[in-house]
Amino acid sequence: QAISKHLRVMERSGLVRSSRCGRERRWRLNEQRLVDARFYLEQISRQW
């Protein structure tokens, strides 16, 4: 239940995607969002 709650929050932010497979919901990491976040954090780091 806790993992499910965290995944829903991460899905709203675009970090993961879900799809239905029968009765299950499968989760997949959206790697591009992590690449984007890393790029943004590197920019902030350079500014600091």
All heavy atoms as atom14 arrays in JSON, in Angstrom:
{
  "sequence": "QAISKHLRVMERSGLVRSSRCGRERRWRLNEQRLVDARFYLEQISRQW",
  "atom14_mask": [
    [1, 1, 1, 1, 1, 1, 1, 1, 1, 0, 0, 0, 0, 0],
    [1, 1, 1, 1, 1, 0, 0, 0, 0, 0, 0, 0, 0, 0],
    [1, 1, 1, 1, 1, 1, 1, 1, 0, 0, 0, 0, 0, 0],
    [1, 1, 1, 1, 1, 1, 0, 0, 0, 0, 0, 0, 0, 0],
    [1, 1, 1, 1, 1, 1, 1, 1, 1, 0, 0, 0, 0, 0],
    [1, 1, 1, 1, 1, 1, 1, 1, 1, 1, 0, 0, 0, 0],
    [1, 1, 1, 1, 1, 1, 1, 1, 0, 0, 0, 0, 0, 0],
    [1, 1, 1, 1, 1, 1, 1, 1, 1, 1, 1, 0, 0, 0],
    [1, 1, 1, 1, 1, 1, 1, 0, 0, 0, 0, 0, 0, 0],
    [1, 1, 1, 1, 1, 1, 1, 1, 0, 0, 0, 0, 0, 0],
    [1, 1, 1, 1, 1, 1, 1, 1, 1, 0, 0, 0, 0, 0],
    [1, 1, 1, 1, 1, 1, 1, 1, 1, 1, 1, 0, 0, 0],
    [1, 1, 1, 1, 1, 1, 0, 0, 0, 0, 0, 0, 0, 0],
    [1, 1, 1, 1, 0, 0, 0, 0, 0, 0, 0, 0, 0, 0],
    [1, 1, 1, 1, 1, 1, 1, 1, 0, 0, 0, 0, 0, 0],
    [1, 1, 1, 1, 1, 1, 1, 0, 0, 0, 0, 0, 0, 0],
    [1, 1, 1, 1, 1, 1, 1, 1, 1, 1, 1, 0, 0, 0],
    [1, 1, 1, 1, 1, 1, 0, 0, 0, 0, 0, 0, 0, 0],
    [1, 1, 1, 1, 1, 1, 0, 0, 0, 0, 0, 0, 0, 0],
    [1, 1, 1, 1, 1, 1, 1, 1, 1, 1, 1, 0, 0, 0],
    [1, 1, 1, 1, 1, 1, 0, 0, 0, 0, 0, 0, 0, 0],
    [1, 1, 1, 1, 0, 0, 0, 0, 0, 0, 0, 0, 0, 0],
    [1, 1, 1, 1, 1, 1, 1, 1, 1, 1, 1, 0, 0, 0],
    [1, 1, 1, 1, 1, 1, 1, 1, 1, 0, 0, 0, 0, 0],
    [1, 1, 1, 1, 1, 1, 1, 1, 1, 1, 1, 0, 0, 0],
    [1, 1, 1, 1, 1, 1, 1, 1, 1, 1, 1, 0, 0, 0],
    [1, 1, 1, 1, 1, 1, 1, 1, 1, 1, 1, 1, 1, 1],
    [1, 1, 1, 1, 1, 1, 1, 1, 1, 1, 1, 0, 0, 0],
    [1, 1, 1, 1, 1, 1, 1, 1, 0, 0, 0, 0, 0, 0],
    [1, 1, 1, 1, 1, 1, 1, 1, 0, 0, 0, 0, 0, 0],
    [1, 1, 1, 1, 1, 1, 1, 1, 1, 0, 0, 0, 0, 0],
    [1, 1, 1, 1, 1, 1, 1, 1, 1, 0, 0, 0, 0, 0],
    [1, 1, 1, 1, 1, 1, 1, 1, 1, 1, 1, 0, 0, 0],
    [1, 1, 1, 1, 1, 1, 1, 1, 0, 0, 0, 0, 0, 0],
    [1, 1, 1, 1, 1, 1, 1, 0, 0, 0, 0, 0, 0, 0],
    [1, 1, 1, 1, 1, 1, 1, 1, 0, 0, 0, 0, 0, 0],
    [1, 1, 1, 1, 1, 0, 0, 0, 0, 0, 0, 0, 0, 0],
    [1, 1, 1, 1, 1, 1, 1, 1, 1, 1, 1, 0, 0, 0],
    [1, 1, 1, 1, 1, 1, 1, 1, 1, 1, 1, 0, 0, 0],
    [1, 1, 1, 1, 1, 1, 1, 1, 1, 1, 1, 1, 0, 0],
    [1, 1, 1, 1, 1, 1, 1, 1, 0, 0, 0, 0, 0, 0],
    [1, 1, 1, 1, 1, 1, 1, 1, 1, 0, 0, 0, 0, 0],
    [1, 1, 1, 1, 1, 1, 1, 1, 1, 0, 0, 0, 0, 0],
    [1, 1, 1, 1, 1, 1, 1, 1, 0, 0, 0, 0, 0, 0],
    [1, 1, 1, 1, 1, 1, 0, 0, 0, 0, 0, 0, 0, 0],
    [1, 1, 1, 1, 1, 1, 1, 1, 1, 1, 1, 0, 0, 0],
    [1, 1, 1, 1, 1, 1, 1, 1, 1, 0, 0, 0, 0, 0],
    [1, 1, 1, 1, 1, 1, 1, 1, 1, 1, 1, 1, 1, 1]
  ],
  "atom14_positions": [
    [[0.83, -1.2, 0.0], [0.0, 0.0, 0.0], [0.86, 1.26, 0.0], [0.58, 2.22, -0.71], [-0.94, 0.02, 1.21], [-2.03, -1.03, 1.16], [-1.53, -2.42, 1.61], [-0.4, -2.59, 2.06], [-2.4, -3.41, 1.47], [0.0, 0.0, 0.0], [0.0, 0.0, 0.0], [0.0, 0.0, 0.0], [0.0, 0.0, 0.0], [0.0, 0.0, 0.0]],
    [[1.94, 1.25, 0.78], [2.84, 2.41, 0.83], [3.54, 2.59, -0.51], [3.68, 3.71, -1.01], [3.85, 2.25, 1.96], [0.0, 0.0, 0.0], [0.0, 0.0, 0.0], [0.0, 0.0, 0.0], [0.0, 0.0, 0.0], [0.0, 0.0, 0.0], [0.0, 0.0, 0.0], [0.0, 0.0, 0.0], [0.0, 0.0, 0.0], [0.0, 0.0, 0.0]],
    [[3.99, 1.5, -1.09], [4.65, 1.57, -2.4], [3.68, 2.09, -3.44], [4.03, 2.95, -4.26], [5.24, 0.2, -2.79], [6.42, -0.12, -1.87], [5.66, 0.19, -4.25], [6.98, -1.51, -2.03], [0.0, 0.0, 0.0], [0.0, 0.0, 0.0], [0.0, 0.0, 0.0], [0.0, 0.0, 0.0], [0.0, 0.0, 0.0], [0.0, 0.0, 0.0]],
    [[2.45, 1.61, -3.41], [1.44, 2.06, -4.35], [1.2, 3.56, -4.22], [1.1, 4.28, -5.22], [0.13, 1.29, -4.1], [-0.87, 1.73, -4.97], [0.0, 0.0, 0.0], [0.0, 0.0, 0.0], [0.0, 0.0, 0.0], [0.0, 0.0, 0.0], [0.0, 0.0, 0.0], [0.0, 0.0, 0.0], [0.0, 0.0, 0.0], [0.0, 0.0, 0.0]],
    [[1.12, 4.04, -3.0], [0.9, 5.47, -2.76], [2.07, 6.29, -3.33], [1.86, 7.3, -4.0], [0.76, 5.72, -1.26], [0.46, 7.14, -0.9], [0.26, 7.28, 0.6], [-0.05, 8.71, 0.99], [-0.27, 8.84, 2.43], [0.0, 0.0, 0.0], [0.0, 0.0, 0.0], [0.0, 0.0, 0.0], [0.0, 0.0, 0.0], [0.0, 0.0, 0.0]],
    [[3.29, 5.86, -3.08], [4.46, 6.56, -3.6], [4.5, 6.54, -5.13], [4.84, 7.54, -5.77], [5.74, 5.96, -3.02], [6.0, 6.38, -1.61], [5.45, 5.74, -0.54], [6.74, 7.4, -1.11], [5.83, 6.33, 0.57], [6.61, 7.34, 0.26], [0.0, 0.0, 0.0], [0.0, 0.0, 0.0], [0.0, 0.0, 0.0], [0.0, 0.0, 0.0]],
    [[4.15, 5.41, -5.7], [4.14, 5.3, -7.16], [3.13, 6.25, -7.79], [3.4, 6.85, -8.83], [3.88, 3.87, -7.6], [5.04, 2.91, -7.4], [4.59, 1.46, -7.64], [6.21, 3.26, -8.32], [0.0, 0.0, 0.0], [0.0, 0.0, 0.0], [0.0, 0.0, 0.0], [0.0, 0.0, 0.0], [0.0, 0.0, 0.0], [0.0, 0.0, 0.0]],
    [[1.97, 6.4, -7.16], [0.96, 7.33, -7.69], [1.48, 8.77, -7.66], [1.26, 9.53, -8.6], [-0.35, 7.18, -6.94], [-1.12, 5.92, -7.32], [-2.55, 5.92, -6.81], [-2.65, 6.07, -5.37], [-2.62, 5.07, -4.49], [-2.47, 3.84, -4.91], [-2.74, 5.3, -3.19], [0.0, 0.0, 0.0], [0.0, 0.0, 0.0], [0.0, 0.0, 0.0]],
    [[2.17, 9.14, -6.59], [2.76, 10.48, -6.51], [3.82, 10.64, -7.59], [3.88, 11.67, -8.29], [3.36, 10.74, -5.1], [4.18, 12.01, -5.08], [2.26, 10.77, -4.06], [0.0, 0.0, 0.0], [0.0, 0.0, 0.0], [0.0, 0.0, 0.0], [0.0, 0.0, 0.0], [0.0, 0.0, 0.0], [0.0, 0.0, 0.0], [0.0, 0.0, 0.0]],
    [[4.67, 9.63, -7.75], [5.72, 9.68, -8.76], [5.13, 9.72, -10.17], [5.67, 10.36, -11.06], [6.67, 8.49, -8.59], [7.5, 8.58, -7.32], [8.39, 7.07, -6.92], [9.44, 6.88, -8.34], [0.0, 0.0, 0.0], [0.0, 0.0, 0.0], [0.0, 0.0, 0.0], [0.0, 0.0, 0.0], [0.0, 0.0, 0.0], [0.0, 0.0, 0.0]],
    [[3.99, 9.06, -10.35], [3.33, 9.07, -11.66], [2.81, 10.47, -11.98], [2.94, 10.95, -13.11], [2.19, 8.05, -11.7], [1.56, 7.92, -13.08], [0.54, 6.81, -13.14], [-0.2, 6.61, -12.15], [0.48, 6.14, -14.19], [0.0, 0.0, 0.0], [0.0, 0.0, 0.0], [0.0, 0.0, 0.0], [0.0, 0.0, 0.0], [0.0, 0.0, 0.0]],
    [[2.24, 11.15, -10.99], [1.76, 12.51, -11.21], [2.9, 13.46, -11.59], [2.7, 14.41, -12.32], [1.02, 13.03, -9.98], [-0.37, 12.44, -9.82], [-1.22, 13.21, -8.84], [-0.7, 13.23, -7.49], [-0.94, 12.33, -6.54], [-1.73, 11.3, -6.82], [-0.43, 12.46, -5.35], [0.0, 0.0, 0.0], [0.0, 0.0, 0.0], [0.0, 0.0, 0.0]],
    [[4.1, 13.18, -11.09], [5.24, 14.03, -11.42], [5.92, 13.6, -12.71], [6.83, 14.28, -13.18], [6.26, 14.01, -10.28], [6.91, 12.77, -10.21], [0.0, 0.0, 0.0], [0.0, 0.0, 0.0], [0.0, 0.0, 0.0], [0.0, 0.0, 0.0], [0.0, 0.0, 0.0], [0.0, 0.0, 0.0], [0.0, 0.0, 0.0], [0.0, 0.0, 0.0]],
    [[5.5, 12.49, -13.28], [6.06, 12.02, -14.54], [7.3, 11.15, -14.39], [7.93, 10.8, -15.38], [0.0, 0.0, 0.0], [0.0, 0.0, 0.0], [0.0, 0.0, 0.0], [0.0, 0.0, 0.0], [0.0, 0.0, 0.0], [0.0, 0.0, 0.0], [0.0, 0.0, 0.0], [0.0, 0.0, 0.0], [0.0, 0.0, 0.0], [0.0, 0.0, 0.0]],
    [[7.67, 10.78, -13.16], [8.85, 9.95, -12.96], [8.63, 8.49, -13.33], [9.56, 7.79, -13.72], [9.33, 10.02, -11.51], [9.99, 11.34, -11.11], [10.25, 11.37, -9.62], [11.29, 11.52, -11.88], [0.0, 0.0, 0.0], [0.0, 0.0, 0.0], [0.0, 0.0, 0.0], [0.0, 0.0, 0.0], [0.0, 0.0, 0.0], [0.0, 0.0, 0.0]],
    [[7.41, 8.02, -13.19], [7.07, 6.65, -13.57], [5.79, 6.67, -14.39], [5.02, 7.63, -14.34], [6.89, 5.71, -12.33], [8.17, 5.57, -11.56], [5.77, 6.18, -11.45], [0.0, 0.0, 0.0], [0.0, 0.0, 0.0], [0.0, 0.0, 0.0], [0.0, 0.0, 0.0], [0.0, 0.0, 0.0], [0.0, 0.0, 0.0], [0.0, 0.0, 0.0]],
    [[5.58, 5.59, -15.13], [4.35, 5.39, -15.9], [3.78, 4.04, -15.53], [4.52, 3.11, -15.22], [4.65, 5.4, -17.4], [5.14, 6.69, -17.92], [5.31, 6.6, -19.44], [6.39, 7.5, -19.81], [7.35, 7.22, -20.65], [7.38, 6.05, -21.24], [8.28, 8.09, -20.94], [0.0, 0.0, 0.0], [0.0, 0.0, 0.0], [0.0, 0.0, 0.0]],
    [[2.48, 3.95, -15.61], [1.86, 2.66, -15.32], [1.01, 2.22, -16.51], [0.55, 3.04, -17.3], [1.0, 2.74, -14.06], [-0.13, 3.55, -14.28], [0.0, 0.0, 0.0], [0.0, 0.0, 0.0], [0.0, 0.0, 0.0], [0.0, 0.0, 0.0], [0.0, 0.0, 0.0], [0.0, 0.0, 0.0], [0.0, 0.0, 0.0], [0.0, 0.0, 0.0]],
    [[0.83, 0.92, -16.6], [-0.06, 0.35, -17.61], [-0.7, -0.89, -17.02], [-0.15, -1.53, -16.13], [0.72, 0.01, -18.89], [1.73, -0.93, -18.6], [0.0, 0.0, 0.0], [0.0, 0.0, 0.0], [0.0, 0.0, 0.0], [0.0, 0.0, 0.0], [0.0, 0.0, 0.0], [0.0, 0.0, 0.0], [0.0, 0.0, 0.0], [0.0, 0.0, 0.0]],
    [[-1.89, -1.2, -17.51], [-2.6, -2.38, -17.05], [-2.14, -3.59, -17.85], [-1.97, -3.52, -19.05], [-4.11, -2.22, -17.22], [-4.74, -1.08, -16.47], [-4.84, -1.25, -15.0], [-5.74, -2.31, -14.6], [-5.85, -2.73, -13.36], [-5.13, -2.18, -12.42], [-6.66, -3.69, -13.04], [0.0, 0.0, 0.0], [0.0, 0.0, 0.0], [0.0, 0.0, 0.0]],
    [[-1.95, -4.69, -17.13], [-1.63, -5.96, -17.76], [-2.48, -7.01, -17.05], [-2.09, -7.52, -16.01], [-0.13, -6.25, -17.63], [0.38, -7.75, -18.47], [0.0, 0.0, 0.0], [0.0, 0.0, 0.0], [0.0, 0.0, 0.0], [0.0, 0.0, 0.0], [0.0, 0.0, 0.0], [0.0, 0.0, 0.0], [0.0, 0.0, 0.0], [0.0, 0.0, 0.0]],
    [[-3.66, -7.25, -17.61], [-4.6, -8.13, -16.92], [-5.11, -7.44, -15.67], [-5.58, -6.31, -15.72], [0.0, 0.0, 0.0], [0.0, 0.0, 0.0], [0.0, 0.0, 0.0], [0.0, 0.0, 0.0], [0.0, 0.0, 0.0], [0.0, 0.0, 0.0], [0.0, 0.0, 0.0], [0.0, 0.0, 0.0], [0.0, 0.0, 0.0], [0.0, 0.0, 0.0]],
    [[-4.99, -8.11, -14.53], [-5.43, -7.53, -13.27], [-4.33, -6.71, -12.6], [-4.59, -6.02, -11.63], [-5.88, -8.64, -12.32], [-7.15, -9.32, -12.8], [-7.62, -10.41, -11.91], [-7.02, -10.41, -10.59], [-7.24, -11.29, -9.66], [-8.06, -12.29, -9.9], [-6.67, -11.23, -8.47], [0.0, 0.0, 0.0], [0.0, 0.0, 0.0], [0.0, 0.0, 0.0]],
    [[-3.13, -6.79, -13.12], [-2.0, -6.08, -12.52], [-1.76, -4.74, -13.18], [-2.12, -4.52, -14.33], [-0.7, -6.89, -12.69], [-0.49, -7.98, -11.71], [0.91, -8.55, -11.85], [1.48, -8.5, -12.95], [1.4, -9.06, -10.84], [0.0, 0.0, 0.0], [0.0, 0.0, 0.0], [0.0, 0.0, 0.0], [0.0, 0.0, 0.0], [0.0, 0.0, 0.0]],
    [[-1.16, -3.87, -12.43], [-0.66, -2.61, -12.97], [0.85, -2.71, -12.96], [1.45, -3.02, -11.95], [-1.15, -1.44, -12.11], [-0.71, -0.11, -12.67], [-1.46, 1.04, -12.04], [-2.86, 1.08, -12.4], [-3.35, 1.58, -13.55], [-2.54, 2.06, -14.45], [-4.64, 1.59, -13.77], [0.0, 0.0, 0.0], [0.0, 0.0, 0.0], [0.0, 0.0, 0.0]],
    [[1.45, -2.48, -14.12], [2.91, -2.54, -14.25], [3.47, -1.13, -14.25], [2.9, -0.24, -14.87], [3.31, -3.25, -15.55], [2.8, -4.67, -15.65], [3.79, -5.64, -15.06], [3.26, -6.98, -15.0], [3.52, -7.92, -15.87], [4.28, -7.67, -16.91], [3.01, -9.12, -15.71], [0.0, 0.0, 0.0], [0.0, 0.0, 0.0], [0.0, 0.0, 0.0]],
    [[4.59, -0.96, -13.58], [5.21, 0.35, -13.44], [6.54, 0.37, -14.16], [7.29, -0.57, -14.13], [5.39, 0.67, -11.96], [4.07, 0.77, -11.27], [3.38, -0.24, -10.69], [3.27, 1.94, -11.12], [2.19, 0.23, -10.18], [2.11, 1.56, -10.43], [3.44, 3.26, -11.5], [1.12, 2.48, -10.11], [2.45, 4.18, -11.18], [1.31, 3.78, -10.5]],
    [[6.81, 1.51, -14.8], [8.06, 1.67, -15.55], [8.63, 3.05, -15.25], [7.9, 4.04, -15.21], [7.77, 1.54, -17.04], [8.97, 1.73, -17.92], [8.59, 1.58, -19.38], [8.07, 0.24, -19.61], [8.78, -0.75, -20.13], [10.01, -0.54, -20.52], [8.25, -1.93, -20.31], [0.0, 0.0, 0.0], [0.0, 0.0, 0.0], [0.0, 0.0, 0.0]],
    [[9.93, 3.1, -15.05], [10.63, 4.35, -14.8], [10.7, 5.17, -16.08], [11.01, 4.64, -17.14], [12.05, 4.06, -14.29], [12.95, 5.26, -14.04], [12.4, 6.11, -12.9], [14.36, 4.79, -13.72], [0.0, 0.0, 0.0], [0.0, 0.0, 0.0], [0.0, 0.0, 0.0], [0.0, 0.0, 0.0], [0.0, 0.0, 0.0], [0.0, 0.0, 0.0]],
    [[10.41, 6.46, -15.97], [10.57, 7.38, -17.09], [11.95, 8.02, -16.95], [12.12, 9.03, -16.28], [9.47, 8.44, -17.09], [9.58, 9.4, -18.25], [10.48, 9.3, -19.06], [8.65, 10.33, -18.32], [0.0, 0.0, 0.0], [0.0, 0.0, 0.0], [0.0, 0.0, 0.0], [0.0, 0.0, 0.0], [0.0, 0.0, 0.0], [0.0, 0.0, 0.0]],
    [[12.94, 7.41, -17.57], [14.33, 7.84, -17.39], [14.56, 9.26, -17.87], [15.42, 9.96, -17.32], [15.26, 6.87, -18.12], [15.27, 5.49, -17.5], [16.19, 4.54, -18.22], [17.29, 4.97, -18.62], [15.8, 3.38, -18.39], [0.0, 0.0, 0.0], [0.0, 0.0, 0.0], [0.0, 0.0, 0.0], [0.0, 0.0, 0.0], [0.0, 0.0, 0.0]],
    [[13.82, 9.71, -18.85], [14.04, 11.07, -19.37], [13.76, 12.11, -18.28], [14.44, 13.13, -18.22], [13.16, 11.33, -20.6], [13.43, 12.68, -21.25], [14.89, 12.84, -21.68], [15.45, 11.96, -22.32], [15.48, 13.97, -21.35], [0.0, 0.0, 0.0], [0.0, 0.0, 0.0], [0.0, 0.0, 0.0], [0.0, 0.0, 0.0], [0.0, 0.0, 0.0]],
    [[12.79, 11.85, -17.43], [12.5, 12.81, -16.34], [13.69, 12.9, -15.39], [13.99, 13.98, -14.88], [11.24, 12.41, -15.58], [9.97, 12.53, -16.37], [9.62, 13.96, -16.67], [9.15, 14.57, -15.43], [8.81, 15.84, -15.32], [8.88, 16.63, -16.35], [8.41, 16.32, -14.17], [0.0, 0.0, 0.0], [0.0, 0.0, 0.0], [0.0, 0.0, 0.0]],
    [[14.39, 11.8, -15.15], [15.58, 11.84, -14.31], [16.71, 12.59, -15.01], [17.45, 13.35, -14.37], [16.03, 10.43, -13.93], [15.11, 9.69, -12.97], [15.65, 8.28, -12.72], [14.96, 10.43, -11.67], [0.0, 0.0, 0.0], [0.0, 0.0, 0.0], [0.0, 0.0, 0.0], [0.0, 0.0, 0.0], [0.0, 0.0, 0.0], [0.0, 0.0, 0.0]],
    [[16.85, 12.39, -16.32], [17.85, 13.12, -17.09], [17.55, 14.62, -17.01], [18.45, 15.44, -16.78], [17.88, 12.64, -18.56], [18.72, 13.55, -19.44], [18.39, 11.21, -18.63], [0.0, 0.0, 0.0], [0.0, 0.0, 0.0], [0.0, 0.0, 0.0], [0.0, 0.0, 0.0], [0.0, 0.0, 0.0], [0.0, 0.0, 0.0], [0.0, 0.0, 0.0]],
    [[16.29, 14.98, -17.17], [15.89, 16.39, -17.08], [16.19, 16.97, -15.7], [16.7, 18.08, -15.58], [14.4, 16.56, -17.39], [14.04, 16.19, -18.81], [14.95, 16.11, -19.67], [12.83, 15.97, -19.07], [0.0, 0.0, 0.0], [0.0, 0.0, 0.0], [0.0, 0.0, 0.0], [0.0, 0.0, 0.0], [0.0, 0.0, 0.0], [0.0, 0.0, 0.0]],
    [[15.87, 16.21, -14.66], [16.12, 16.67, -13.28], [17.61, 16.84, -13.03], [18.04, 17.82, -12.42], [15.52, 15.69, -12.28], [0.0, 0.0, 0.0], [0.0, 0.0, 0.0], [0.0, 0.0, 0.0], [0.0, 0.0, 0.0], [0.0, 0.0, 0.0], [0.0, 0.0, 0.0], [0.0, 0.0, 0.0], [0.0, 0.0, 0.0], [0.0, 0.0, 0.0]],
    [[18.4, 15.9, -13.51], [19.85, 16.0, -13.33], [20.39, 17.23, -14.05], [21.23, 17.97, -13.5], [20.54, 14.74, -13.85], [22.02, 14.77, -13.64], [22.66, 13.49, -14.09], [24.1, 13.57, -13.83], [24.93, 12.6, -14.03], [24.49, 11.44, -14.49], [26.2, 12.75, -13.78], [0.0, 0.0, 0.0], [0.0, 0.0, 0.0], [0.0, 0.0, 0.0]],
    [[19.94, 17.49, -15.27], [20.37, 18.66, -16.01], [20.02, 19.94, -15.25], [20.86, 20.84, -15.11], [19.72, 18.67, -17.4], [20.06, 19.87, -18.22], [21.31, 19.98, -18.83], [19.15, 20.9, -18.4], [21.63, 21.09, -19.59], [19.47, 22.02, -19.14], [20.71, 22.11, -19.74], [0.0, 0.0, 0.0], [0.0, 0.0, 0.0], [0.0, 0.0, 0.0]],
    [[18.81, 20.01, -14.75], [18.36, 21.17, -14.0], [19.21, 21.36, -12.74], [19.66, 22.47, -12.45], [16.88, 21.02, -13.63], [16.36, 22.12, -12.76], [16.08, 23.38, -13.28], [16.15, 21.91, -11.4], [15.61, 24.4, -12.48], [15.68, 22.93, -10.59], [15.41, 24.16, -11.13], [14.94, 25.17, -10.32], [0.0, 0.0, 0.0], [0.0, 0.0, 0.0]],
    [[19.44, 20.28, -11.99], [20.24, 20.38, -10.77], [21.69, 20.76, -11.06], [22.31, 21.5, -10.28], [20.17, 19.06, -9.99], [18.81, 18.75, -9.37], [18.8, 17.34, -8.8], [18.45, 19.78, -8.32], [0.0, 0.0, 0.0], [0.0, 0.0, 0.0], [0.0, 0.0, 0.0], [0.0, 0.0, 0.0], [0.0, 0.0, 0.0], [0.0, 0.0, 0.0]],
    [[22.22, 20.3, -12.18], [23.58, 20.69, -12.56], [23.65, 22.18, -12.88], [24.61, 22.86, -12.53], [24.07, 19.86, -13.75], [24.44, 18.44, -13.36], [24.75, 17.54, -14.54], [24.55, 17.98, -15.71], [25.19, 16.41, -14.31], [0.0, 0.0, 0.0], [0.0, 0.0, 0.0], [0.0, 0.0, 0.0], [0.0, 0.0, 0.0], [0.0, 0.0, 0.0]],
    [[22.6, 22.71, -13.52], [22.54, 24.15, -13.78], [22.52, 24.94, -12.48], [23.25, 25.92, -12.33], [21.3, 24.5, -14.6], [21.39, 24.18, -16.06], [20.14, 24.64, -16.78], [19.02, 24.34, -16.38], [20.33, 25.4, -17.84], [0.0, 0.0, 0.0], [0.0, 0.0, 0.0], [0.0, 0.0, 0.0], [0.0, 0.0, 0.0], [0.0, 0.0, 0.0]],
    [[21.67, 24.51, -11.55], [21.57, 25.18, -10.26], [22.92, 25.1, -9.54], [23.36, 26.09, -8.94], [20.47, 24.54, -9.39], [19.1, 24.7, -10.05], [20.46, 25.1, -7.98], [18.61, 26.13, -10.14], [0.0, 0.0, 0.0], [0.0, 0.0, 0.0], [0.0, 0.0, 0.0], [0.0, 0.0, 0.0], [0.0, 0.0, 0.0], [0.0, 0.0, 0.0]],
    [[23.57, 23.97, -9.6], [24.87, 23.79, -8.95], [25.9, 24.76, -9.52], [26.67, 25.38, -8.77], [25.34, 22.35, -9.11], [26.61, 22.18, -8.54], [0.0, 0.0, 0.0], [0.0, 0.0, 0.0], [0.0, 0.0, 0.0], [0.0, 0.0, 0.0], [0.0, 0.0, 0.0], [0.0, 0.0, 0.0], [0.0, 0.0, 0.0], [0.0, 0.0, 0.0]],
    [[25.91, 24.9, -10.85], [26.85, 25.83, -11.48], [26.56, 27.27, -11.05], [27.48, 28.05, -10.79], [26.81, 25.71, -13.0], [27.52, 24.47, -13.53], [27.69, 24.51, -15.03], [26.42, 24.5, -15.76], [25.75, 23.39, -16.08], [26.23, 22.22, -15.74], [24.62, 23.47, -16.74], [0.0, 0.0, 0.0], [0.0, 0.0, 0.0], [0.0, 0.0, 0.0]],
    [[25.28, 27.61, -10.94], [24.91, 28.96, -10.51], [25.38, 29.22, -9.08], [25.9, 30.29, -8.77], [23.4, 29.17, -10.63], [22.91, 29.24, -12.06], [21.4, 29.25, -12.16], [20.69, 29.18, -11.16], [20.9, 29.34, -13.38], [0.0, 0.0, 0.0], [0.0, 0.0, 0.0], [0.0, 0.0, 0.0], [0.0, 0.0, 0.0], [0.0, 0.0, 0.0]],
    [[25.19, 28.24, -8.21], [25.64, 28.39, -6.82], [27.16, 28.48, -6.76], [27.71, 29.28, -5.99], [25.14, 27.23, -5.96], [23.78, 27.52, -5.39], [22.59, 27.02, -5.82], [23.48, 28.39, -4.31], [21.58, 27.52, -5.07], [22.1, 28.37, -4.12], [24.26, 29.18, -3.46], [21.46, 29.11, -3.14], [23.62, 29.92, -2.48], [22.24, 29.88, -2.33]]
  ]
}
